Amino acid sequence: MIHVFKTSVKSEKQASMVGAFLNILLPYDSWNFDLEDKDRILRVETFELLPDTVVTILNSQGFECDEL
């Protein structure tokens, strides 16, 4: 399943920081940021992780995140 989130991540450096946490929680799943999009989209493809967990991860790192 693909989950799409609107975020406040603005740079590749910030995306890499968040990605470090996502890689731990999603070692076999994929994720990517579209920082060119006005909503700075994060797409997560997973069958295990709940969307609320992604929101919590980003919020704990100081970023806004809402599932679309």
Protein backbone atom coordinates (compact mmCIF):
# COMPACT_ATOMS: atom_id res chain seq x y z
CA MET A 1 0.00 0.00 0.00
CA ILE A 2 1.24 3.50 -0.80
CA HIS A 3 0.70 6.27 1.75
CA VAL A 4 1.14 9.91 0.72
CA PHE A 5 2.00 12.66 3.18
CA LYS A 6 2.26 16.44 3.01
CA THR A 7 5.38 17.54 4.93
CA SER A 8 7.41 20.59 5.90
CA VAL A 9 10.72 18.96 4.87
CA LYS A 10 12.52 21.54 2.72
CA SER A 11 15.94 20.16 1.82
CA GLU A 12 17.73 16.99 0.84
CA LYS A 13 19.65 17.19 4.11
CA GLN A 14 16.42 17.19 6.10
CA ALA A 15 15.03 14.37 3.96
CA SER A 16 18.15 12.31 4.67
CA MET A 17 17.77 12.91 8.40
CA VAL A 18 14.16 11.69 8.33
CA GLY A 19 15.19 8.89 5.99
CA ALA A 20 17.60 7.51 8.57
CA PHE A 21 14.63 6.82 10.86
CA LEU A 22 12.48 5.49 8.02
CA ASN A 23 15.23 3.08 6.97
CA ILE A 24 15.31 1.62 10.48
CA LEU A 25 11.54 1.18 10.62
CA LEU A 26 11.13 0.20 6.96
CA PRO A 27 14.19 -1.88 6.05
CA TYR A 28 12.35 -3.75 3.28
CA ASP A 29 9.93 -1.06 2.16
CA SER A 30 10.47 2.01 0.02
CA TRP A 31 9.93 5.70 0.57
CA ASN A 32 10.80 8.92 -1.28
CA PHE A 33 10.36 12.66 -1.03
CA ASP A 34 9.23 14.97 -3.80
CA LEU A 35 10.69 18.25 -2.59
CA GLU A 36 9.80 19.94 -5.89
CA ASP A 37 6.09 19.57 -5.10
CA LYS A 38 4.54 22.51 -3.22
CA ASP A 39 3.39 20.07 -0.51
CA ARG A 40 6.85 18.44 -0.23
CA ILE A 41 5.33 15.01 -0.64
CA LEU A 42 6.58 11.90 1.15
CA ARG A 43 5.45 8.61 -0.39
CA VAL A 44 5.82 5.45 1.66
CA GLU A 45 5.16 2.01 0.23
CA THR A 46 4.58 -0.46 3.05
CA PHE A 47 2.33 -3.26 4.16
CA GLU A 48 3.31 -3.10 7.82
CA LEU A 49 3.75 0.47 9.02
CA LEU A 50 0.73 2.52 10.06
CA PRO A 51 0.44 6.06 8.68
CA ASP A 52 0.25 7.46 12.22
CA THR A 53 3.75 6.12 12.84
CA VAL A 54 5.15 8.10 9.91
CA VAL A 55 3.43 11.25 11.18
CA THR A 56 4.87 10.65 14.67
CA ILE A 57 8.39 10.14 13.30
CA LEU A 58 8.35 13.41 11.37
CA ASN A 59 6.68 15.34 14.20
CA SER A 60 9.30 14.08 16.68
CA GLN A 61 11.98 15.49 14.37
CA GLY A 62 10.27 18.91 14.30
CA PHE A 63 8.52 18.58 10.94
CA GLU A 64 4.87 18.92 10.07
CA CYS A 65 3.34 15.88 8.44
CA ASP A 66 -0.23 15.06 7.42
CA GLU A 67 -1.51 12.10 5.47
CA LEU A 68 -3.28 13.08 2.25
